[in-house]
Amino acid sequence: MEAISDLPMLDDMDADYSPQYVKLARILRDKIESGYYQHGDNLPGAVLAAEYGVSLRVASHALAMLAANRYVRQAGRFASYRVTWQPHT
């Protein structure tokens, strides 16, 4: 998995200047919506941080953003997030 870049190259006019946690949240949202991560799957922040080459803090903020948008839910303060999103059928 390719790490999420912190800063784009200056010559890249189509660069995404969003914060890393927003980029990661978008990637995870797309994977949830595509079915890569399914309802009930655990999304441990430490694993995601290592997989995408970001800090645990970035991964935690991305998961919090997904929770605010009802894609994931955290059962307790120290529990992993679980996918709660289901496609509308």
PDB file of N, CA and C in Angstrom:
ATOM      1  N   MET A   1       0.846  -1.173   0.000  1.00  0.00           N
ATOM      2  CA  MET A   1       0.000   0.000   0.000  1.00  0.00           C
ATOM      3  C   MET A   1       0.892   1.237   0.000  1.00  0.00           C
ATOM      4  N   GLU A   2       0.564   2.170  -0.819  1.00  0.00           N
ATOM      5  CA  GLU A   2       1.342   3.410  -0.911  1.00  0.00           C
ATOM      6  C   GLU A   2       1.000   4.342   0.241  1.00  0.00           C
ATOM      7  N   ALA A   3       2.021   4.947   0.808  1.00  0.00           N
ATOM      8  CA  ALA A   3       1.809   5.890   1.906  1.00  0.00           C
ATOM      9  C   ALA A   3       1.093   7.138   1.401  1.00  0.00           C
ATOM     10  N   ILE A   4       0.347   7.745   2.274  1.00  0.00           N
ATOM     11  CA  ILE A   4      -0.348   8.993   1.940  1.00  0.00           C
ATOM     12  C   ILE A   4       0.661  10.122   2.071  1.00  0.00           C
ATOM     13  N   SER A   5       0.881  10.825   0.981  1.00  0.00           N
ATOM     14  CA  SER A   5       1.882  11.890   1.008  1.00  0.00           C
ATOM     15  C   SER A   5       1.407  13.065   1.853  1.00  0.00           C
ATOM     16  N   ASP A   6       2.362  13.685   2.497  1.00  0.00           N
ATOM     17  CA  ASP A   6       2.045  14.833   3.342  1.00  0.00           C
ATOM     18  C   ASP A   6       1.886  16.090   2.491  1.00  0.00           C
ATOM     19  N   LEU A   7       2.837  16.333   1.618  1.00  0.00           N
ATOM     20  CA  LEU A   7       2.795  17.513   0.764  1.00  0.00           C
ATOM     21  C   LEU A   7       2.996  17.119  -0.691  1.00  0.00           C
ATOM     22  N   PRO A   8       2.181  17.639  -1.599  1.00  0.00           N
ATOM     23  CA  PRO A   8       2.352  17.334  -3.015  1.00  0.00           C
ATOM     24  C   PRO A   8       3.557  18.085  -3.596  1.00  0.00           C
ATOM     25  N   MET A   9       3.973  17.649  -4.744  1.00  0.00           N
ATOM     26  CA  MET A   9       5.073  18.310  -5.450  1.00  0.00           C
ATOM     27  C   MET A   9       4.588  19.656  -5.990  1.00  0.00           C
ATOM     28  N   LEU A  10       5.460  20.637  -6.011  1.00  0.00           N
ATOM     29  CA  LEU A  10       5.091  21.984  -6.449  1.00  0.00           C
ATOM     30  C   LEU A  10       4.613  22.044  -7.891  1.00  0.00           C
ATOM     31  N   ASP A  11       5.110  21.142  -8.736  1.00  0.00           N
ATOM     32  CA  ASP A  11       4.729  21.192 -10.149  1.00  0.00           C
ATOM     33  C   ASP A  11       3.434  20.430 -10.439  1.00  0.00           C
ATOM     34  N   ASP A  12       2.793  19.876  -9.416  1.00  0.00           N
ATOM     35  CA  ASP A  12       1.558  19.125  -9.595  1.00  0.00           C
ATOM     36  C   ASP A  12       0.360  20.046  -9.383  1.00  0.00           C
ATOM     37  N   MET A  13      -0.190  20.547 -10.480  1.00  0.00           N
ATOM     38  CA  MET A  13      -1.303  21.507 -10.398  1.00  0.00           C
ATOM     39  C   MET A  13      -2.607  20.857  -9.940  1.00  0.00           C
ATOM     40  N   ASP A  14      -2.707  19.535 -10.050  1.00  0.00           N
ATOM     41  CA  ASP A  14      -3.920  18.831  -9.643  1.00  0.00           C
ATOM     42  C   ASP A  14      -3.765  18.200  -8.260  1.00  0.00           C
ATOM     43  N   ALA A  15      -2.797  18.668  -7.514  1.00  0.00           N
ATOM     44  CA  ALA A  15      -2.499  18.091  -6.202  1.00  0.00           C
ATOM     45  C   ALA A  15      -3.649  18.297  -5.220  1.00  0.00           C
ATOM     46  N   ASP A  16      -3.759  17.364  -4.303  1.00  0.00           N
ATOM     47  CA  ASP A  16      -4.759  17.433  -3.242  1.00  0.00           C
ATOM     48  C   ASP A  16      -4.075  17.964  -1.980  1.00  0.00           C
ATOM     49  N   TYR A  17      -4.438  19.154  -1.571  1.00  0.00           N
ATOM     50  CA  TYR A  17      -3.822  19.785  -0.407  1.00  0.00           C
ATOM     51  C   TYR A  17      -4.600  19.513   0.886  1.00  0.00           C
ATOM     52  N   SER A  18      -5.497  18.549   0.845  1.00  0.00           N
ATOM     53  CA  SER A  18      -6.258  18.185   2.038  1.00  0.00           C
ATOM     54  C   SER A  18      -5.331  17.600   3.095  1.00  0.00           C
ATOM     55  N   PRO A  19      -5.679  17.738   4.369  1.00  0.00           N
ATOM     56  CA  PRO A  19      -4.881  17.110   5.421  1.00  0.00           C
ATOM     57  C   PRO A  19      -4.853  15.589   5.248  1.00  0.00           C
ATOM     58  N   GLN A  20      -3.820  14.965   5.802  1.00  0.00           N
ATOM     59  CA  GLN A  20      -3.668  13.517   5.673  1.00  0.00           C
ATOM     60  C   GLN A  20      -4.879  12.761   6.201  1.00  0.00           C
ATOM     61  N   TYR A  21      -5.458  13.211   7.311  1.00  0.00           N
ATOM     62  CA  TYR A  21      -6.575  12.457   7.872  1.00  0.00           C
ATOM     63  C   TYR A  21      -7.799  12.506   6.961  1.00  0.00           C
ATOM     64  N   VAL A  22      -7.971  13.589   6.235  1.00  0.00           N
ATOM     65  CA  VAL A  22      -9.085  13.687   5.286  1.00  0.00           C
ATOM     66  C   VAL A  22      -8.827  12.749   4.097  1.00  0.00           C
ATOM     67  N   LYS A  23      -7.600  12.727   3.613  1.00  0.00           N
ATOM     68  CA  LYS A  23      -7.257  11.807   2.518  1.00  0.00           C
ATOM     69  C   LYS A  23      -7.506  10.361   2.929  1.00  0.00           C
ATOM     70  N   LEU A  24      -7.067  10.004   4.139  1.00  0.00           N
ATOM     71  CA  LEU A  24      -7.262   8.636   4.615  1.00  0.00           C
ATOM     72  C   LEU A  24      -8.742   8.333   4.805  1.00  0.00           C
ATOM     73  N   ALA A  25      -9.495   9.262   5.347  1.00  0.00           N
ATOM     74  CA  ALA A  25     -10.929   9.053   5.527  1.00  0.00           C
ATOM     75  C   ALA A  25     -11.613   8.810   4.178  1.00  0.00           C
ATOM     76  N   ARG A  26     -11.218   9.533   3.161  1.00  0.00           N
ATOM     77  CA  ARG A  26     -11.798   9.336   1.818  1.00  0.00           C
ATOM     78  C   ARG A  26     -11.470   7.951   1.281  1.00  0.00           C
ATOM     79  N   ILE A  27     -10.224   7.524   1.460  1.00  0.00           N
ATOM     80  CA  ILE A  27      -9.815   6.196   0.995  1.00  0.00           C
ATOM     81  C   ILE A  27     -10.627   5.122   1.706  1.00  0.00           C
ATOM     82  N   LEU A  28     -10.734   5.238   3.020  1.00  0.00           N
ATOM     83  CA  LEU A  28     -11.473   4.244   3.793  1.00  0.00           C
ATOM     84  C   LEU A  28     -12.956   4.265   3.447  1.00  0.00           C
ATOM     85  N   ARG A  29     -13.517   5.456   3.267  1.00  0.00           N
ATOM     86  CA  ARG A  29     -14.932   5.561   2.868  1.00  0.00           C
ATOM     87  C   ARG A  29     -15.168   4.841   1.543  1.00  0.00           C
ATOM     88  N   ASP A  30     -14.277   5.067   0.584  1.00  0.00           N
ATOM     89  CA  ASP A  30     -14.421   4.414  -0.715  1.00  0.00           C
ATOM     90  C   ASP A  30     -14.322   2.894  -0.586  1.00  0.00           C
ATOM     91  N   LYS A  31     -13.441   2.420   0.290  1.00  0.00           N
ATOM     92  CA  LYS A  31     -13.307   0.974   0.493  1.00  0.00           C
ATOM     93  C   LYS A  31     -14.535   0.399   1.200  1.00  0.00           C
ATOM     94  N   ILE A  32     -15.134   1.159   2.086  1.00  0.00           N
ATOM     95  CA  ILE A  32     -16.358   0.707   2.748  1.00  0.00           C
ATOM     96  C   ILE A  32     -17.493   0.655   1.733  1.00  0.00           C
ATOM     97  N   GLU A  33     -17.648   1.708   0.959  1.00  0.00           N
ATOM     98  CA  GLU A  33     -18.740   1.762  -0.019  1.00  0.00           C
ATOM     99  C   GLU A  33     -18.592   0.717  -1.122  1.00  0.00           C
ATOM    100  N   SER A  34     -17.349   0.351  -1.443  1.00  0.00           N
ATOM    101  CA  SER A  34     -17.131  -0.647  -2.495  1.00  0.00           C
ATOM    102  C   SER A  34     -17.288  -2.081  -1.982  1.00  0.00           C
ATOM    103  N   GLY A  35     -17.371  -2.243  -0.653  1.00  0.00           N
ATOM    104  CA  GLY A  35     -17.522  -3.572  -0.084  1.00  0.00           C
ATOM    105  C   GLY A  35     -16.218  -4.220   0.344  1.00  0.00           C
ATOM    106  N   TYR A  36     -15.098  -3.530   0.153  1.00  0.00           N
ATOM    107  CA  TYR A  36     -13.812  -4.064   0.595  1.00  0.00           C
ATOM    108  C   TYR A  36     -13.848  -4.280   2.112  1.00  0.00           C
ATOM    109  N   TYR A  37     -14.337  -3.285   2.842  1.00  0.00           N
ATOM    110  CA  TYR A  37     -14.630  -3.428   4.264  1.00  0.00           C
ATOM    111  C   TYR A  37     -16.136  -3.555   4.374  1.00  0.00           C
ATOM    112  N   GLN A  38     -16.588  -4.579   5.094  1.00  0.00           N
ATOM    113  CA  GLN A  38     -18.014  -4.836   5.175  1.00  0.00           C
ATOM    114  C   GLN A  38     -18.557  -4.571   6.571  1.00  0.00           C
ATOM    115  N   HIS A  39     -19.877  -4.506   6.648  1.00  0.00           N
ATOM    116  CA  HIS A  39     -20.560  -4.248   7.913  1.00  0.00           C
ATOM    117  C   HIS A  39     -20.029  -5.212   8.986  1.00  0.00           C
ATOM    118  N   GLY A  40     -19.594  -4.646  10.113  1.00  0.00           N
ATOM    119  CA  GLY A  40     -19.092  -5.436  11.216  1.00  0.00           C
ATOM    120  C   GLY A  40     -17.584  -5.616  11.253  1.00  0.00           C
ATOM    121  N   ASP A  41     -16.894  -5.295  10.164  1.00  0.00           N
ATOM    122  CA  ASP A  41     -15.433  -5.423  10.132  1.00  0.00           C
ATOM    123  C   ASP A  41     -14.790  -4.444  11.108  1.00  0.00           C
ATOM    124  N   ASN A  42     -13.737  -4.901  11.791  1.00  0.00           N
ATOM    125  CA  ASN A  42     -12.946  -4.028  12.659  1.00  0.00           C
ATOM    126  C   ASN A  42     -11.981  -3.210  11.828  1.00  0.00           C
ATOM    127  N   LEU A  43     -11.786  -1.965  12.215  1.00  0.00           N
ATOM    128  CA  LEU A  43     -10.795  -1.101  11.580  1.00  0.00           C
ATOM    129  C   LEU A  43      -9.873  -0.556  12.674  1.00  0.00           C
ATOM    130  N   PRO A  44      -8.863  -1.342  13.075  1.00  0.00           N
ATOM    131  CA  PRO A  44      -7.952  -0.878  14.130  1.00  0.00           C
ATOM    132  C   PRO A  44      -7.050   0.243  13.631  1.00  0.00           C
ATOM    133  N   GLY A  45      -7.026   1.338  14.384  1.00  0.00           N
ATOM    134  CA  GLY A  45      -6.247   2.505  13.988  1.00  0.00           C
ATOM    135  C   GLY A  45      -4.769   2.220  13.804  1.00  0.00           C
ATOM    136  N   ALA A  46      -4.181   1.407  14.668  1.00  0.00           N
ATOM    137  CA  ALA A  46      -2.745   1.116  14.570  1.00  0.00           C
ATOM    138  C   ALA A  46      -2.418   0.362  13.285  1.00  0.00           C
ATOM    139  N   VAL A  47      -3.278  -0.552  12.898  1.00  0.00           N
ATOM    140  CA  VAL A  47      -3.066  -1.318  11.666  1.00  0.00           C
ATOM    141  C   VAL A  47      -3.185  -0.399  10.451  1.00  0.00           C
ATOM    142  N   LEU A  48      -4.200   0.452  10.452  1.00  0.00           N
ATOM    143  CA  LEU A  48      -4.391   1.386   9.335  1.00  0.00           C
ATOM    144  C   LEU A  48      -3.233   2.368   9.243  1.00  0.00           C
ATOM    145  N   ALA A  49      -2.760   2.855  10.393  1.00  0.00           N
ATOM    146  CA  ALA A  49      -1.626   3.788  10.408  1.00  0.00           C
ATOM    147  C   ALA A  49      -0.406   3.153   9.768  1.00  0.00           C
ATOM    148  N   ALA A  50      -0.111   1.912  10.130  1.00  0.00           N
ATOM    149  CA  ALA A  50       1.044   1.219   9.560  1.00  0.00           C
ATOM    150  C   ALA A  50       0.839   0.951   8.071  1.00  0.00           C
ATOM    151  N   GLU A  51      -0.359   0.546   7.698  1.00  0.00           N
ATOM    152  CA  GLU A  51      -0.648   0.206   6.305  1.00  0.00           C
ATOM    153  C   GLU A  51      -0.513   1.413   5.375  1.00  0.00           C
ATOM    154  N   TYR A  52      -0.919   2.573   5.838  1.00  0.00           N
ATOM    155  CA  TYR A  52      -0.910   3.772   4.992  1.00  0.00           C
ATOM    156  C   TYR A  52       0.247   4.719   5.283  1.00  0.00           C
ATOM    157  N   GLY A  53       1.128   4.342   6.186  1.00  0.00           N
ATOM    158  CA  GLY A  53       2.314   5.148   6.458  1.00  0.00           C
ATOM    159  C   GLY A  53       2.014   6.488   7.097  1.00  0.00           C
ATOM    160  N   VAL A  54       1.036   6.502   8.000  1.00  0.00           N
ATOM    161  CA  VAL A  54       0.675   7.731   8.711  1.00  0.00           C
ATOM    162  C   VAL A  54       0.789   7.475  10.210  1.00  0.00           C
ATOM    163  N   SER A  55       0.679   8.536  10.995  1.00  0.00           N
ATOM    164  CA  SER A  55       0.736   8.383  12.444  1.00  0.00           C
ATOM    165  C   SER A  55      -0.593   7.827  12.963  1.00  0.00           C
ATOM    166  N   LEU A  56      -0.551   7.295  14.170  1.00  0.00           N
ATOM    167  CA  LEU A  56      -1.768   6.804  14.810  1.00  0.00           C
ATOM    168  C   LEU A  56      -2.771   7.944  14.999  1.00  0.00           C
ATOM    169  N   ARG A  57      -2.267   9.129  15.261  1.00  0.00           N
ATOM    170  CA  ARG A  57      -3.139  10.297  15.420  1.00  0.00           C
ATOM    171  C   ARG A  57      -3.905  10.599  14.130  1.00  0.00           C
ATOM    172  N   VAL A  58      -3.221  10.528  12.981  1.00  0.00           N
ATOM    173  CA  VAL A  58      -3.879  10.758  11.688  1.00  0.00           C
ATOM    174  C   VAL A  58      -4.962   9.705  11.467  1.00  0.00           C
ATOM    175  N   ALA A  59      -4.625   8.431  11.723  1.00  0.00           N
ATOM    176  CA  ALA A  59      -5.603   7.352  11.550  1.00  0.00           C
ATOM    177  C   ALA A  59      -6.794   7.549  12.484  1.00  0.00           C
ATOM    178  N   SER A  60      -6.538   7.968  13.720  1.00  0.00           N
ATOM    179  CA  SER A  60      -7.618   8.190  14.686  1.00  0.00           C
ATOM    180  C   SER A  60      -8.548   9.311  14.231  1.00  0.00           C
ATOM    181  N   HIS A  61      -7.978  10.383  13.706  1.00  0.00           N
ATOM    182  CA  HIS A  61      -8.805  11.485  13.207  1.00  0.00           C
ATOM    183  C   HIS A  61      -9.626  11.053  11.991  1.00  0.00           C
ATOM    184  N   ALA A  62      -9.042  10.241  11.119  1.00  0.00           N
ATOM    185  CA  ALA A  62      -9.771   9.742   9.953  1.00  0.00           C
ATOM    186  C   ALA A  62     -10.948   8.874  10.398  1.00  0.00           C
ATOM    187  N   LEU A  63     -10.723   8.009  11.377  1.00  0.00           N
ATOM    188  CA  LEU A  63     -11.797   7.155  11.876  1.00  0.00           C
ATOM    189  C   LEU A  63     -12.877   7.978  12.575  1.00  0.00           C
ATOM    190  N   ALA A  64     -12.481   9.011  13.299  1.00  0.00           N
ATOM    191  CA  ALA A  64     -13.454   9.884  13.941  1.00  0.00           C
ATOM    192  C   ALA A  64     -14.313  10.600  12.896  1.00  0.00           C
ATOM    193  N   MET A  65     -13.694  10.991  11.785  1.00  0.00           N
ATOM    194  CA  MET A  65     -14.438  11.640  10.704  1.00  0.00           C
ATOM    195  C   MET A  65     -15.450  10.659  10.101  1.00  0.00           C
ATOM    196  N   LEU A  66     -15.021   9.419   9.910  1.00  0.00           N
ATOM    197  CA  LEU A  66     -15.937   8.400   9.392  1.00  0.00           C
ATOM    198  C   LEU A  66     -17.071   8.129  10.377  1.00  0.00           C
ATOM    199  N   ALA A  67     -16.763   8.157  11.667  1.00  0.00           N
ATOM    200  CA  ALA A  67     -17.803   7.957  12.684  1.00  0.00           C
ATOM    201  C   ALA A  67     -18.809   9.102  12.657  1.00  0.00           C
ATOM    202  N   ALA A  68     -18.328  10.312  12.491  1.00  0.00           N
ATOM    203  CA  ALA A  68     -19.219  11.468  12.425  1.00  0.00           C
ATOM    204  C   ALA A  68     -20.151  11.393  11.221  1.00  0.00           C
ATOM    205  N   ASN A  69     -19.721  10.664  10.192  1.00  0.00           N
ATOM    206  CA  ASN A  69     -20.532  10.499   8.985  1.00  0.00           C
ATOM    207  C   ASN A  69     -21.225   9.138   8.928  1.00  0.00           C
ATOM    208  N   ARG A  70     -21.221   8.433  10.057  1.00  0.00           N
ATOM    209  CA  ARG A  70     -21.953   7.174  10.246  1.00  0.00           C
ATOM    210  C   ARG A  70     -21.479   6.024   9.365  1.00  0.00           C
ATOM    211  N   TYR A  71     -20.209   5.989   9.062  1.00  0.00           N
ATOM    212  CA  TYR A  71     -19.641   4.844   8.353  1.00  0.00           C
ATOM    213  C   TYR A  71     -19.113   3.809   9.336  1.00  0.00           C
ATOM    214  N   VAL A  72     -18.649   4.262  10.481  1.00  0.00           N
ATOM    215  CA  VAL A  72     -18.106   3.375  11.509  1.00  0.00           C
ATOM    216  C   VAL A  72     -18.632   3.808  12.869  1.00  0.00           C
ATOM    217  N   ARG A  73     -18.439   2.920  13.849  1.00  0.00           N
ATOM    218  CA  ARG A  73     -18.860   3.221  15.220  1.00  0.00           C
ATOM    219  C   ARG A  73     -17.856   2.600  16.170  1.00  0.00           C
ATOM    220  N   GLN A  74     -17.622   3.265  17.269  1.00  0.00           N
ATOM    221  CA  GLN A  74     -16.711   2.767  18.285  1.00  0.00           C
ATOM    222  C   GLN A  74     -17.538   2.393  19.505  1.00  0.00           C
ATOM    223  N   ALA A  75     -17.454   1.126  19.918  1.00  0.00           N
ATOM    224  CA  ALA A  75     -18.281   0.631  21.025  1.00  0.00           C
ATOM    225  C   ALA A  75     -17.880   1.252  22.365  1.00  0.00           C
ATOM    226  N   GLY A  76     -16.618   1.512  22.551  1.00  0.00           N
ATOM    227  CA  GLY A  76     -16.131   2.097  23.791  1.00  0.00           C
ATOM    228  C   GLY A  76     -14.914   2.946  23.510  1.00  0.00           C
ATOM    229  N   ARG A  77     -14.486   3.666  24.499  1.00  0.00           N
ATOM    230  CA  ARG A  77     -13.377   4.606  24.305  1.00  0.00           C
ATOM    231  C   ARG A  77     -12.108   3.944  23.778  1.00  0.00           C
ATOM    232  N   PHE A  78     -11.836   2.724  24.222  1.00  0.00           N
ATOM    233  CA  PHE A  78     -10.604   2.054  23.820  1.00  0.00           C
ATOM    234  C   PHE A  78     -10.846   0.907  22.842  1.00  0.00           C
ATOM    235  N   ALA A  79     -12.049   0.784  22.337  1.00  0.00           N
ATOM    236  CA  ALA A  79     -12.387  -0.274  21.388  1.00  0.00           C
ATOM    237  C   ALA A  79     -12.050   0.152  19.967  1.00  0.00           C
ATOM    238  N   SER A  80     -11.857  -0.837  19.102  1.00  0.00           N
ATOM    239  CA  SER A  80     -11.647  -0.554  17.681  1.00  0.00           C
ATOM    240  C   SER A  80     -12.953  -0.057  17.068  1.00  0.00           C
ATOM    241  N   TYR A  81     -12.819   0.668  16.008  1.00  0.00           N
ATOM    242  CA  TYR A  81     -13.994   1.081  15.246  1.00  0.00           C
ATOM    243  C   TYR A  81     -14.477  -0.115  14.437  1.00  0.00           C
ATOM    244  N   ARG A  82     -15.787  -0.198  14.250  1.00  0.00           N
ATOM    245  CA  ARG A  82     -16.397  -1.234  13.412  1.00  0.00           C
ATOM    246  C   ARG A  82     -17.210  -0.553  12.317  1.00  0.00           C
ATOM    247  N   VAL A  83     -17.194  -1.160  11.158  1.00  0.00           N
ATOM    248  CA  VAL A  83     -17.976  -0.643  10.037  1.00  0.00           C
ATOM    249  C   VAL A  83     -19.455  -0.833  10.349  1.00  0.00           C
ATOM    250  N   THR A  84     -20.217   0.247  10.232  1.00  0.00           N
ATOM    251  CA  THR A  84     -21.668   0.190  10.444  1.00  0.00           C
ATOM    252  C   THR A  84     -22.445   0.528   9.178  1.00  0.00           C
ATOM    253  N   TRP A  85     -21.761   1.061   8.189  1.00  0.00           N
ATOM    254  CA  TRP A  85     -22.421   1.485   6.955  1.00  0.00           C
ATOM    255  C   TRP A  85     -22.919   0.288   6.181  1.00  0.00           C
ATOM    256  N   GLN A  86     -24.113   0.401   5.637  1.00  0.00           N
ATOM    257  CA  GLN A  86     -24.663  -0.624   4.769  1.00  0.00           C
ATOM    258  C   GLN A  86     -25.224   0.053   3.535  1.00  0.00           C
ATOM    259  N   PRO A  87     -25.033  -0.561   2.387  1.00  0.00           N
ATOM    260  CA  PRO A  87     -25.574   0.053   1.170  1.00  0.00           C
ATOM    261  C   PRO A  87     -27.103   0.080   1.208  1.00  0.00           C
ATOM    262  N   HIS A  88     -27.663   1.116   0.632  1.00  0.00           N
ATOM    263  CA  HIS A  88     -29.118   1.233   0.547  1.00  0.00           C
ATOM    264  C   HIS A  88     -29.601   0.295  -0.549  1.00  0.00           C
ATOM    265  N   THR A  89     -30.525  -0.572  -0.201  1.00  0.00           N
ATOM    266  CA  THR A  89     -31.051  -1.492  -1.216  1.00  0.00           C
ATOM    267  C   THR A  89     -32.530  -1.343  -1.369  1.00  0.00           C
TER     268      THR A  89
END
